[in-house]
Amino acid sequence: MILQRRLLPDMRILQTFELAARHGNFTRAGEELALTQSAVSRQIRDLEE
C-alpha cells in the first residue's frame, strides 16, 4: 500500500506568507524579500493550492 504524503511548503514560501501577513501588503513583503509583488502573489497562490 502506497500512501501519498502532502509535501510541506518550502520555508521561503512560509517566510513570504508571514511577511505578507505582517505587512498586510504584498508589495512591502516583496520589497523586504527582494521580490516583485507578482512573485509574492504567485507564492501565496501556490501555498493556497
Protein backbone atom coordinates (compact mmCIF):
# COMPACT_ATOMS: atom_id res chain seq x y z
CA MET A 1 0.00 0.00 0.00
CA ILE A 2 1.46 3.32 -1.07
CA LEU A 3 0.48 6.36 0.95
CA GLN A 4 0.77 9.78 -0.59
CA ARG A 5 2.08 12.42 1.76
CA ARG A 6 1.37 16.04 1.21
CA LEU A 7 4.64 17.88 0.88
CA LEU A 8 5.31 20.61 3.38
CA PRO A 9 5.62 24.11 1.96
CA ASP A 10 9.09 25.45 1.28
CA MET A 11 10.41 27.65 4.10
CA ARG A 12 10.86 30.56 1.69
CA ILE A 13 7.17 30.45 0.83
CA LEU A 14 6.26 30.37 4.51
CA GLN A 15 8.52 33.37 5.10
CA THR A 16 6.82 35.19 2.23
CA PHE A 17 3.41 34.39 3.73
CA GLU A 18 4.50 35.58 7.18
CA LEU A 19 5.81 38.89 5.85
CA ALA A 20 2.73 39.47 3.68
CA ALA A 21 0.53 38.85 6.73
CA ARG A 22 2.65 41.09 8.95
CA HIS A 23 2.72 43.96 6.45
CA GLY A 24 -0.78 43.36 5.12
CA ASN A 25 0.69 44.17 1.74
CA PHE A 26 2.33 42.03 -0.96
CA THR A 27 4.40 44.94 -2.28
CA ARG A 28 6.03 45.66 1.09
CA ALA A 29 6.66 41.96 1.69
CA GLY A 30 8.29 41.77 -1.73
CA GLU A 31 10.49 44.76 -1.02
CA GLU A 32 11.77 43.13 2.15
CA LEU A 33 12.43 39.86 0.29
CA ALA A 34 13.77 41.49 -2.90
CA LEU A 35 10.84 40.04 -4.85
CA THR A 36 8.27 41.67 -7.09
CA GLN A 37 4.68 41.98 -5.95
CA SER A 38 3.68 39.44 -8.59
CA ALA A 39 6.26 36.93 -7.30
CA VAL A 40 4.86 37.29 -3.78
CA SER A 41 1.33 36.88 -5.10
CA ARG A 42 2.32 33.76 -7.04
CA GLN A 43 3.96 32.20 -3.97
CA ILE A 44 0.85 32.86 -1.87
CA ARG A 45 -1.35 31.37 -4.61
CA ASP A 46 0.85 28.28 -4.75
CA LEU A 47 0.65 27.94 -0.98
CA GLU A 48 -3.15 28.05 -1.14
CA GLU A 49 -3.28 25.17 -3.63
